Every structure is written in structure tokens, then in C-alpha cells.
């Protein structure tokens, strides 16, 4: 049995069906009592990955466990050891943790202290583990959906700074392999897309897919900061803007891990756009 947390998010919505189609017994965990977006016939469980007591009955009898921390859990909560103790007590032998590339490129970043704590706890757990460190998500472009829909306009800073954003479906595919197959224990995979692509170029790809002109408006760093302050903790904003605006060479590099694990190239941004075009129409 494989337990998947974050089952209704960008990654979980793909990961759960992949595992089910491969014949695995999957339990899709969500904090909501009636999660949407999951295939019929999938076992669902209401629990909170940040509350180990709620996870214990869900984990009972599990062989493998996908850990995804969402939202506020990246900033605070109970010790990672509480969750890992619950998993080990339940008999879990294999753990896949979704972390972040920033833990490799900016190991002192305050915004990722908690993820580093989880990485350390997973490594010390004694279970077979795989850590996934993706860079920026292609799905971050969904933040542009409303202005594209209303004004056919994208507002973003650092218009010509290119990063190899990754399709969340590729993260899910790598996670599915690591959860099911041998040969990935002790591995840390840095996951990127197949090309570095700037916000201005992303706007052009969306425009082409829509067959309509989409205008790109470049924000200053100060304007972007003010916008992000509406939904992001202050201590995270500057670090995020640094990655977007003055990325390190390692953050702009195209990594081989997706192709090595999946035996196919990572999906380009345009393929993600084609699958998600209704969001922008």
C-alpha cells in the first residue's frame, strides 16, 4: 500500500492515478473530507500530514509513503520526527519526500529551514528514502490566468531571466518510479524542465496556444515585492525574488535527473500550457 499526501494538489492529482494504473493499492490523503479531482475507485482518507496522530491510522499497513508539505507546514508545526515515527511504527519501508532545489543552491535560506529539517529526519529515519528537489514549477504560470482571461496581459518581474521550470506531471512521474521501483534508495534528484525559459517567452508560448496576442508587462522588483506581500510571508519574498531575478548558475542549469529516471526527456513548458489551456481562455 502506498500513502500519498497532497493528493489533490498539482503533483498528487497526477501521482495518484499513475500509481493506481500501475496496479498499486493507493490511499489519497487530503485535509478536506470530500476531495475533488481524484479518479473513481481511489481510496480516500481525511488526515493532516502536519498532525501525526491523524496520520497513524492512515499509514497502518503502508509499505511506501509520499510526503508533501503544503502551505503553512513549510513554516511551522510539530517535529518531522513525529510523522516519521508514525510511518515507521506502521511498517513503512520506503519514503519519498518532496523538497526543493533551493536546499541545494541556497542552503541557508530561511524560507526552507523546515524542509531541510524534514530532509535530515528522512535521511536519519532508517527507511529507504528518495528526496526530490524540483526547481520552479511550470504551474506557477496559473497565477497569470486571471489577468490573461480578463485583459490578455501578463504582469511579472525579470522578463528576460530564464529558468528551467518543470512540469508538475514530471515530478509526479519521478515520484511514482521512486515509490514503486528499486534502485532509488538514498538518492536525491534535482528536477528541472528541458529548457530555460523566461517569463516573456512563457507569455509568447501562452499567446501562441491561445492564438491571441498576450501582452507582457514587466514589473519592477519593488512592484513585484508589493504584489507578493499580499499572499507571501515577508521573510520569503526577497529570497524568491533573488531566485527569479538573479539566479545562481545551478538554478539556471538543466539537470539530467528527470530523463535518467523516466528514460525520456522532461516535458517542455509548451506541453504544460497545452494541457492547461482552458485556465487561460
C-alpha atoms as a PDB file:
ATOM      1  CA  UNK A   1       0.000   0.000   0.000  1.00  0.00           C
ATOM      2  CA  UNK A   2       1.217   3.488  -0.891  1.00  0.00           C
ATOM      3  CA  UNK A   3       0.034   6.544   1.043  1.00  0.00           C
ATOM      4  CA  UNK A   4       0.120   9.840  -0.871  1.00  0.00           C
ATOM      5  CA  UNK A   5      -0.219  13.169   0.927  1.00  0.00           C
ATOM      6  CA  UNK A   6      -1.101  16.303  -1.009  1.00  0.00           C
ATOM      7  CA  UNK A   7      -3.263  14.045  -3.142  1.00  0.00           C
ATOM      8  CA  UNK A   8      -5.410  16.814  -4.630  1.00  0.00           C
ATOM      9  CA  UNK A   9      -2.587  19.236  -5.473  1.00  0.00           C
ATOM     10  CA  UNK A  10      -0.608  19.817  -8.664  1.00  0.00           C
ATOM     11  CA  UNK A  11       1.526  16.724  -8.120  1.00  0.00           C
ATOM     12  CA  UNK A  12      -0.884  14.449  -6.265  1.00  0.00           C
ATOM     13  CA  UNK A  13      -3.609  14.693  -8.909  1.00  0.00           C
ATOM     14  CA  UNK A  14      -1.193  13.065 -11.342  1.00  0.00           C
ATOM     15  CA  UNK A  15       0.690  10.810  -8.938  1.00  0.00           C
ATOM     16  CA  UNK A  16      -2.360   9.030  -7.507  1.00  0.00           C
ATOM     17  CA  UNK A  17      -3.719   7.883 -10.916  1.00  0.00           C
ATOM     18  CA  UNK A  18      -0.230   6.862 -12.068  1.00  0.00           C
ATOM     19  CA  UNK A  19       0.118   4.553  -9.088  1.00  0.00           C
ATOM     20  CA  UNK A  20      -3.416   3.202  -9.416  1.00  0.00           C
ATOM     21  CA  UNK A  21      -2.953   2.493 -13.130  1.00  0.00           C
ATOM     22  CA  UNK A  22       0.213   0.580 -12.256  1.00  0.00           C
ATOM     23  CA  UNK A  23      -1.866  -1.699 -10.034  1.00  0.00           C
ATOM     24  CA  UNK A  24      -0.852  -0.238  -6.690  1.00  0.00           C
ATOM     25  CA  UNK A  25      -3.160  -0.016  -3.681  1.00  0.00           C
ATOM     26  CA  UNK A  26      -3.209   3.755  -3.107  1.00  0.00           C
ATOM     27  CA  UNK A  27      -4.580   5.856  -0.266  1.00  0.00           C
ATOM     28  CA  UNK A  28      -5.061   9.500  -1.271  1.00  0.00           C
ATOM     29  CA  UNK A  29      -4.741  11.775   1.752  1.00  0.00           C
ATOM     30  CA  UNK A  30      -6.355  15.200   1.926  1.00  0.00           C
ATOM     31  CA  UNK A  31      -7.339  17.548   4.705  1.00  0.00           C
ATOM     32  CA  UNK A  32     -10.708  18.022   3.033  1.00  0.00           C
ATOM     33  CA  UNK A  33     -13.453  15.492   3.798  1.00  0.00           C
ATOM     34  CA  UNK A  34     -14.582  15.175   0.168  1.00  0.00           C
ATOM     35  CA  UNK A  35     -11.574  15.873  -2.032  1.00  0.00           C
ATOM     36  CA  UNK A  36     -12.251  16.553  -5.701  1.00  0.00           C
ATOM     37  CA  UNK A  37     -10.136  15.764  -8.723  1.00  0.00           C
ATOM     38  CA  UNK A  38      -9.403  12.108  -7.933  1.00  0.00           C
ATOM     39  CA  UNK A  39     -10.431   9.152 -10.095  1.00  0.00           C
ATOM     40  CA  UNK A  40     -13.358   6.990  -9.068  1.00  0.00           C
ATOM     41  CA  UNK A  41     -12.429   3.968  -7.020  1.00  0.00           C
ATOM     42  CA  UNK A  42      -9.422   5.545  -5.294  1.00  0.00           C
ATOM     43  CA  UNK A  43      -9.360   5.128  -1.527  1.00  0.00           C
ATOM     44  CA  UNK A  44      -9.504   8.485   0.188  1.00  0.00           C
ATOM     45  CA  UNK A  45      -8.552   9.448   3.722  1.00  0.00           C
ATOM     46  CA  UNK A  46      -9.022  12.699   5.587  1.00  0.00           C
ATOM     47  CA  UNK A  47      -5.895  13.491   7.588  1.00  0.00           C
ATOM     48  CA  UNK A  48      -3.288  16.198   8.014  1.00  0.00           C
ATOM     49  CA  UNK A  49       0.356  15.466   7.259  1.00  0.00           C
ATOM     50  CA  UNK A  50       1.180  18.089   9.883  1.00  0.00           C
ATOM     51  CA  UNK A  51      -0.690  16.113  12.551  1.00  0.00           C
ATOM     52  CA  UNK A  52       0.996  12.760  13.085  1.00  0.00           C
ATOM     53  CA  UNK A  53      -1.845  11.479  15.283  1.00  0.00           C
ATOM     54  CA  UNK A  54      -4.273  11.863  12.362  1.00  0.00           C
ATOM     55  CA  UNK A  55      -1.839  10.099  10.030  1.00  0.00           C
ATOM     56  CA  UNK A  56      -1.281   6.993  12.168  1.00  0.00           C
ATOM     57  CA  UNK A  57      -4.465   5.119  11.183  1.00  0.00           C
ATOM     58  CA  UNK A  58      -3.973   6.109   7.540  1.00  0.00           C
ATOM     59  CA  UNK A  59      -0.415   4.752   7.489  1.00  0.00           C
ATOM     60  CA  UNK A  60      -1.284   1.452   9.130  1.00  0.00           C
ATOM     61  CA  UNK A  61      -0.149  -1.307   6.779  1.00  0.00           C
ATOM     62  CA  UNK A  62       1.550   1.020   4.280  1.00  0.00           C
ATOM     63  CA  UNK A  63       4.746  -0.013   2.513  1.00  0.00           C
ATOM     64  CA  UNK A  64       5.587   3.357   0.938  1.00  0.00           C
ATOM     65  CA  UNK A  65       4.830   6.979   1.791  1.00  0.00           C
ATOM     66  CA  UNK A  66       4.926  10.176  -0.292  1.00  0.00           C
ATOM     67  CA  UNK A  67       5.399  13.271   1.876  1.00  0.00           C
ATOM     68  CA  UNK A  68       4.390  16.694   0.600  1.00  0.00           C
ATOM     69  CA  UNK A  69       4.257  19.649   2.952  1.00  0.00           C
ATOM     70  CA  UNK A  70       1.721  22.222   1.880  1.00  0.00           C
ATOM     71  CA  UNK A  71       1.292  25.873   2.689  1.00  0.00           C
ATOM     72  CA  UNK A  72       1.791  26.760   6.309  1.00  0.00           C
ATOM     73  CA  UNK A  73       3.509  23.439   7.101  1.00  0.00           C
ATOM     74  CA  UNK A  74       6.592  24.735   5.305  1.00  0.00           C
ATOM     75  CA  UNK A  75       6.925  27.302   8.080  1.00  0.00           C
ATOM     76  CA  UNK A  76       5.949  25.665  11.361  1.00  0.00           C
ATOM     77  CA  UNK A  77       4.413  22.635  13.023  1.00  0.00           C
ATOM     78  CA  UNK A  78       5.338  19.582  15.026  1.00  0.00           C
ATOM     79  CA  UNK A  79       8.718  17.926  14.718  1.00  0.00           C
ATOM     80  CA  UNK A  80       9.314  15.973  11.485  1.00  0.00           C
ATOM     81  CA  UNK A  81      10.259  13.041  13.700  1.00  0.00           C
ATOM     82  CA  UNK A  82       6.640  12.745  14.892  1.00  0.00           C
ATOM     83  CA  UNK A  83       5.460  11.982  11.358  1.00  0.00           C
ATOM     84  CA  UNK A  84       8.386   9.698  10.596  1.00  0.00           C
ATOM     85  CA  UNK A  85       7.893   7.779  13.848  1.00  0.00           C
ATOM     86  CA  UNK A  86       4.255   7.241  12.870  1.00  0.00           C
ATOM     87  CA  UNK A  87       5.340   5.959   9.455  1.00  0.00           C
ATOM     88  CA  UNK A  88       7.983   3.605  10.817  1.00  0.00           C
ATOM     89  CA  UNK A  89       5.644   2.303  13.534  1.00  0.00           C
ATOM     90  CA  UNK A  90       3.141   1.496  10.776  1.00  0.00           C
ATOM     91  CA  UNK A  91       5.706  -0.541   8.860  1.00  0.00           C
ATOM     92  CA  UNK A  92       6.611   1.910   6.087  1.00  0.00           C
ATOM     93  CA  UNK A  93       9.818   0.826   4.351  1.00  0.00           C
ATOM     94  CA  UNK A  94      10.113   3.430   1.587  1.00  0.00           C
ATOM     95  CA  UNK A  95       9.703   7.221   1.821  1.00  0.00           C
ATOM     96  CA  UNK A  96       9.737   9.807  -0.966  1.00  0.00           C
ATOM     97  CA  UNK A  97       9.943  13.430   0.211  1.00  0.00           C
ATOM     98  CA  UNK A  98       9.152  16.425  -1.968  1.00  0.00           C
ATOM     99  CA  UNK A  99      11.719  19.090  -1.115  1.00  0.00           C
ATOM    100  CA  UNK A 100      13.174  21.956  -3.170  1.00  0.00           C
ATOM    101  CA  UNK A 101      16.201  22.741  -5.306  1.00  0.00           C
ATOM    102  CA  UNK A 102      16.853  25.719  -3.038  1.00  0.00           C
ATOM    103  CA  UNK A 103      18.048  23.341  -0.333  1.00  0.00           C
ATOM    104  CA  UNK A 104      20.982  22.577  -2.626  1.00  0.00           C
ATOM    105  CA  UNK A 105      21.593  26.000  -4.150  1.00  0.00           C
ATOM    106  CA  UNK A 106      20.845  28.236  -1.135  1.00  0.00           C
ATOM    107  CA  UNK A 107      21.290  26.017   1.937  1.00  0.00           C
ATOM    108  CA  UNK A 108      20.954  28.939   4.369  1.00  0.00           C
ATOM    109  CA  UNK A 109      17.630  30.215   3.002  1.00  0.00           C
ATOM    110  CA  UNK A 110      15.289  30.910   5.913  1.00  0.00           C
ATOM    111  CA  UNK A 111      12.257  30.084   3.792  1.00  0.00           C
ATOM    112  CA  UNK A 112      13.348  26.435   3.518  1.00  0.00           C
ATOM    113  CA  UNK A 113      14.563  25.710   7.051  1.00  0.00           C
ATOM    114  CA  UNK A 114      11.659  23.367   7.719  1.00  0.00           C
ATOM    115  CA  UNK A 115      12.167  21.418   4.516  1.00  0.00           C
ATOM    116  CA  UNK A 116      15.825  20.998   5.470  1.00  0.00           C
ATOM    117  CA  UNK A 117      14.680  19.637   8.841  1.00  0.00           C
ATOM    118  CA  UNK A 118      12.457  17.116   7.043  1.00  0.00           C
ATOM    119  CA  UNK A 119      15.284  16.121   4.731  1.00  0.00           C
ATOM    120  CA  UNK A 120      17.563  15.488   7.714  1.00  0.00           C
ATOM    121  CA  UNK A 121      14.892  13.482   9.525  1.00  0.00           C
ATOM    122  CA  UNK A 122      14.124  11.362   6.456  1.00  0.00           C
ATOM    123  CA  UNK A 123      17.821  10.629   5.917  1.00  0.00           C
ATOM    124  CA  UNK A 124      18.188   9.567   9.561  1.00  0.00           C
ATOM    125  CA  UNK A 125      14.987   7.501   9.665  1.00  0.00           C
ATOM    126  CA  UNK A 126      16.499   4.196   8.593  1.00  0.00           C
ATOM    127  CA  UNK A 127      13.890   3.760   5.851  1.00  0.00           C
ATOM    128  CA  UNK A 128      14.778   3.620   2.173  1.00  0.00           C
ATOM    129  CA  UNK A 129      14.358   7.217   1.070  1.00  0.00           C
ATOM    130  CA  UNK A 130      14.378   9.342  -2.055  1.00  0.00           C
ATOM    131  CA  UNK A 131      14.392  13.136  -1.926  1.00  0.00           C
ATOM    132  CA  UNK A 132      13.015  15.146  -4.839  1.00  0.00           C
ATOM    133  CA  UNK A 133      14.295  18.703  -5.267  1.00  0.00           C
ATOM    134  CA  UNK A 134      12.418  20.398  -8.121  1.00  0.00           C
ATOM    135  CA  UNK A 135      13.112  23.927  -9.281  1.00  0.00           C
ATOM    136  CA  UNK A 136      10.346  26.336 -10.251  1.00  0.00           C
ATOM    137  CA  UNK A 137       7.030  24.830 -11.363  1.00  0.00           C
ATOM    138  CA  UNK A 138       5.546  25.455 -14.815  1.00  0.00           C
ATOM    139  CA  UNK A 139       2.204  25.637 -12.999  1.00  0.00           C
ATOM    140  CA  UNK A 140       3.261  28.890 -11.317  1.00  0.00           C
ATOM    141  CA  UNK A 141       2.030  30.431 -14.579  1.00  0.00           C
ATOM    142  CA  UNK A 142      -1.510  29.815 -13.319  1.00  0.00           C
ATOM    143  CA  UNK A 143      -1.021  32.995 -11.282  1.00  0.00           C
ATOM    144  CA  UNK A 144      -1.399  34.787 -14.625  1.00  0.00           C
ATOM    145  CA  UNK A 145      -4.694  33.105 -15.503  1.00  0.00           C
ATOM    146  CA  UNK A 146      -6.993  35.902 -14.330  1.00  0.00           C
ATOM    147  CA  UNK A 147      -5.186  38.832 -15.996  1.00  0.00           C
ATOM    148  CA  UNK A 148      -4.826  36.773 -19.180  1.00  0.00           C
ATOM    149  CA  UNK A 149      -8.516  35.898 -19.111  1.00  0.00           C
ATOM    150  CA  UNK A 150      -9.628  39.475 -18.405  1.00  0.00           C
ATOM    151  CA  UNK A 151      -7.006  41.637 -20.143  1.00  0.00           C
ATOM    152  CA  UNK A 152      -4.888  39.236 -22.220  1.00  0.00           C
ATOM    153  CA  UNK A 153      -1.968  40.629 -20.208  1.00  0.00           C
ATOM    154  CA  UNK A 154       0.767  39.121 -18.036  1.00  0.00           C
ATOM    155  CA  UNK A 155       2.442  41.103 -15.265  1.00  0.00           C
ATOM    156  CA  UNK A 156       5.754  39.708 -13.989  1.00  0.00           C
ATOM    157  CA  UNK A 157       9.235  40.845 -12.954  1.00  0.00           C
ATOM    158  CA  UNK A 158      12.544  39.932 -14.612  1.00  0.00           C
ATOM    159  CA  UNK A 159      11.029  39.373 -18.032  1.00  0.00           C
ATOM    160  CA  UNK A 160      14.175  38.071 -19.684  1.00  0.00           C
ATOM    161  CA  UNK A 161      15.639  35.909 -16.897  1.00  0.00           C
ATOM    162  CA  UNK A 162      15.271  32.276 -17.922  1.00  0.00           C
ATOM    163  CA  UNK A 163      14.822  29.304 -15.569  1.00  0.00           C
ATOM    164  CA  UNK A 164      14.198  25.626 -16.435  1.00  0.00           C
ATOM    165  CA  UNK A 165      10.712  25.334 -14.936  1.00  0.00           C
ATOM    166  CA  UNK A 166       9.410  21.802 -14.524  1.00  0.00           C
ATOM    167  CA  UNK A 167       6.017  20.332 -15.330  1.00  0.00           C
ATOM    168  CA  UNK A 168       4.486  19.014 -12.064  1.00  0.00           C
ATOM    169  CA  UNK A 169       3.426  15.917 -14.013  1.00  0.00           C
ATOM    170  CA  UNK A 170       7.109  15.048 -14.410  1.00  0.00           C
ATOM    171  CA  UNK A 171       7.640  15.406 -10.670  1.00  0.00           C
ATOM    172  CA  UNK A 172       4.731  13.010 -10.146  1.00  0.00           C
ATOM    173  CA  UNK A 173       6.160  10.561 -12.663  1.00  0.00           C
ATOM    174  CA  UNK A 174       9.557  10.543 -10.933  1.00  0.00           C
ATOM    175  CA  UNK A 175       7.843  10.107  -7.559  1.00  0.00           C
ATOM    176  CA  UNK A 176       5.851   7.146  -8.901  1.00  0.00           C
ATOM    177  CA  UNK A 177       9.037   5.431 -10.042  1.00  0.00           C
ATOM    178  CA  UNK A 178      10.811   6.064  -6.739  1.00  0.00           C
ATOM    179  CA  UNK A 179       7.818   4.773  -4.753  1.00  0.00           C
ATOM    180  CA  UNK A 180       7.474   1.578  -6.796  1.00  0.00           C
ATOM    181  CA  UNK A 181      10.881   0.550  -8.110  1.00  0.00           C
ATOM    182  CA  UNK A 182      14.202  -0.499  -6.682  1.00  0.00           C
ATOM    183  CA  UNK A 183      17.390   1.453  -7.278  1.00  0.00           C
ATOM    184  CA  UNK A 184      16.406   4.856  -5.915  1.00  0.00           C
ATOM    185  CA  UNK A 185      17.097   4.434  -2.201  1.00  0.00           C
ATOM    186  CA  UNK A 186      19.427   7.102  -0.849  1.00  0.00           C
ATOM    187  CA  UNK A 187      19.102   9.221  -4.000  1.00  0.00           C
ATOM    188  CA  UNK A 188      18.449  12.956  -4.134  1.00  0.00           C
ATOM    189  CA  UNK A 189      17.117  14.077  -7.511  1.00  0.00           C
ATOM    190  CA  UNK A 190      17.192  17.687  -8.692  1.00  0.00           C
ATOM    191  CA  UNK A 191      14.334  18.027 -11.147  1.00  0.00           C
ATOM    192  CA  UNK A 192      14.185  20.626 -13.919  1.00  0.00           C
ATOM    193  CA  UNK A 193      12.496  21.163 -17.226  1.00  0.00           C
ATOM    194  CA  UNK A 194      14.287  20.572 -20.546  1.00  0.00           C
ATOM    195  CA  UNK A 195      14.908  24.248 -21.323  1.00  0.00           C
ATOM    196  CA  UNK A 196      15.455  27.544 -19.543  1.00  0.00           C
ATOM    197  CA  UNK A 197      12.536  29.797 -20.412  1.00  0.00           C
ATOM    198  CA  UNK A 198      11.941  33.429 -19.416  1.00  0.00           C
ATOM    199  CA  UNK A 199       8.606  34.929 -18.343  1.00  0.00           C
ATOM    200  CA  UNK A 200       8.489  36.895 -21.593  1.00  0.00           C
ATOM    201  CA  UNK A 201       8.968  33.702 -23.578  1.00  0.00           C
ATOM    202  CA  UNK A 202       6.360  31.913 -21.446  1.00  0.00           C
ATOM    203  CA  UNK A 203       3.925  34.698 -22.357  1.00  0.00           C
ATOM    204  CA  UNK A 204       4.705  34.121 -26.041  1.00  0.00           C
ATOM    205  CA  UNK A 205       4.049  30.370 -25.683  1.00  0.00           C
ATOM    206  CA  UNK A 206       0.688  31.031 -24.000  1.00  0.00           C
ATOM    207  CA  UNK A 207      -0.166  33.616 -26.666  1.00  0.00           C
ATOM    208  CA  UNK A 208       0.581  31.126 -29.430  1.00  0.00           C
ATOM    209  CA  UNK A 209      -1.500  28.427 -27.757  1.00  0.00           C
ATOM    210  CA  UNK A 210      -4.444  30.831 -27.432  1.00  0.00           C
ATOM    211  CA  UNK A 211      -3.995  32.135 -30.991  1.00  0.00           C
ATOM    212  CA  UNK A 212      -4.396  35.592 -29.479  1.00  0.00           C
ATOM    213  CA  UNK A 213      -1.926  38.289 -28.527  1.00  0.00           C
ATOM    214  CA  UNK A 214      -0.970  38.320 -24.857  1.00  0.00           C
ATOM    215  CA  UNK A 215       0.864  41.454 -23.730  1.00  0.00           C
ATOM    216  CA  UNK A 216       3.778  41.116 -21.347  1.00  0.00           C
ATOM    217  CA  UNK A 217       4.234  43.936 -18.802  1.00  0.00           C
ATOM    218  CA  UNK A 218       7.452  43.810 -16.799  1.00  0.00           C
ATOM    219  CA  UNK A 219       7.160  44.749 -13.127  1.00  0.00           C
ATOM    220  CA  UNK A 220       9.976  46.321 -11.160  1.00  0.00           C
ATOM    221  CA  UNK A 221      11.343  44.369  -8.221  1.00  0.00           C
ATOM    222  CA  UNK A 222       9.574  46.818  -5.904  1.00  0.00           C
ATOM    223  CA  UNK A 223       6.235  46.327  -7.674  1.00  0.00           C
ATOM    224  CA  UNK A 224       6.643  42.564  -7.556  1.00  0.00           C
ATOM    225  CA  UNK A 225       7.502  42.730  -3.851  1.00  0.00           C
ATOM    226  CA  UNK A 226       4.351  44.721  -3.121  1.00  0.00           C
ATOM    227  CA  UNK A 227       2.217  42.218  -5.028  1.00  0.00           C
ATOM    228  CA  UNK A 228       3.773  39.171  -3.365  1.00  0.00           C
ATOM    229  CA  UNK A 229       3.353  40.732   0.088  1.00  0.00           C
ATOM    230  CA  UNK A 230      -0.395  40.217  -0.307  1.00  0.00           C
ATOM    231  CA  UNK A 231      -0.071  36.428  -0.049  1.00  0.00           C
ATOM    232  CA  UNK A 232       3.506  35.531   0.900  1.00  0.00           C
ATOM    233  CA  UNK A 233       5.384  35.862   4.240  1.00  0.00           C
ATOM    234  CA  UNK A 234       7.824  38.770   4.223  1.00  0.00           C
ATOM    235  CA  UNK A 235      10.809  36.564   5.019  1.00  0.00           C
ATOM    236  CA  UNK A 236      10.180  34.519   1.868  1.00  0.00           C
ATOM    237  CA  UNK A 237       9.707  37.345  -0.628  1.00  0.00           C
ATOM    238  CA  UNK A 238      13.254  38.605  -1.074  1.00  0.00           C
ATOM    239  CA  UNK A 239      14.644  35.095  -1.420  1.00  0.00           C
ATOM    240  CA  UNK A 240      12.045  34.280  -4.061  1.00  0.00           C
ATOM    241  CA  UNK A 241      12.825  37.471  -5.969  1.00  0.00           C
ATOM    242  CA  UNK A 242      16.531  36.670  -5.800  1.00  0.00           C
ATOM    243  CA  UNK A 243      15.937  33.287  -7.434  1.00  0.00           C
ATOM    244  CA  UNK A 244      13.714  34.833 -10.112  1.00  0.00           C
ATOM    245  CA  UNK A 245      15.887  37.858 -10.784  1.00  0.00           C
ATOM    246  CA  UNK A 246      19.478  36.923 -10.004  1.00  0.00           C
ATOM    247  CA  UNK A 247      19.523  33.122 -10.145  1.00  0.00           C
ATOM    248  CA  UNK A 248      22.675  31.187  -9.426  1.00  0.00           C
ATOM    249  CA  UNK A 249      24.197  29.203 -12.311  1.00  0.00           C
ATOM    250  CA  UNK A 250      22.969  25.959 -10.721  1.00  0.00           C
ATOM    251  CA  UNK A 251      19.409  27.332 -10.708  1.00  0.00           C
ATOM    252  CA  UNK A 252      19.580  28.016 -14.448  1.00  0.00           C
ATOM    253  CA  UNK A 253      21.178  24.687 -15.317  1.00  0.00           C
ATOM    254  CA  UNK A 254      19.184  21.932 -16.996  1.00  0.00           C
ATOM    255  CA  UNK A 255      19.558  18.784 -14.939  1.00  0.00           C
ATOM    256  CA  UNK A 256      19.594  15.183 -16.216  1.00  0.00           C
ATOM    257  CA  UNK A 257      17.674  13.505 -13.402  1.00  0.00           C
ATOM    258  CA  UNK A 258      14.182  13.548 -14.956  1.00  0.00           C
ATOM    259  CA  UNK A 259      15.439  11.925 -18.137  1.00  0.00           C
ATOM    260  CA  UNK A 260      17.656   9.480 -16.245  1.00  0.00           C
ATOM    261  CA  UNK A 261      14.792   8.259 -14.066  1.00  0.00           C
ATOM    262  CA  UNK A 262      11.982   8.304 -16.638  1.00  0.00           C
ATOM    263  CA  UNK A 263      14.073   7.330 -19.661  1.00  0.00           C
ATOM    264  CA  UNK A 264      12.512  10.150 -21.658  1.00  0.00           C
ATOM    265  CA  UNK A 265      13.085  13.917 -21.831  1.00  0.00           C
ATOM    266  CA  UNK A 266      11.324  16.236 -19.415  1.00  0.00           C
ATOM    267  CA  UNK A 267       8.189  17.885 -20.791  1.00  0.00           C
ATOM    268  CA  UNK A 268       8.631  21.432 -22.174  1.00  0.00           C
ATOM    269  CA  UNK A 269       6.613  24.406 -20.929  1.00  0.00           C
ATOM    270  CA  UNK A 270       4.506  24.398 -24.074  1.00  0.00           C
ATOM    271  CA  UNK A 271       3.232  20.911 -23.347  1.00  0.00           C
ATOM    272  CA  UNK A 272       2.105  22.007 -19.881  1.00  0.00           C
ATOM    273  CA  UNK A 273       0.337  25.004 -21.426  1.00  0.00           C
ATOM    274  CA  UNK A 274      -1.466  22.814 -23.968  1.00  0.00           C
ATOM    275  CA  UNK A 275      -2.845  20.574 -21.205  1.00  0.00           C
ATOM    276  CA  UNK A 276      -3.930  23.538 -19.095  1.00  0.00           C
ATOM    277  CA  UNK A 277      -5.104  25.936 -21.810  1.00  0.00           C
ATOM    278  CA  UNK A 278      -8.708  26.196 -20.505  1.00  0.00           C
ATOM    279  CA  UNK A 279      -7.356  28.026 -17.446  1.00  0.00           C
ATOM    280  CA  UNK A 280      -6.263  30.906 -19.680  1.00  0.00           C
ATOM    281  CA  UNK A 281      -9.186  31.078 -22.084  1.00  0.00           C
END
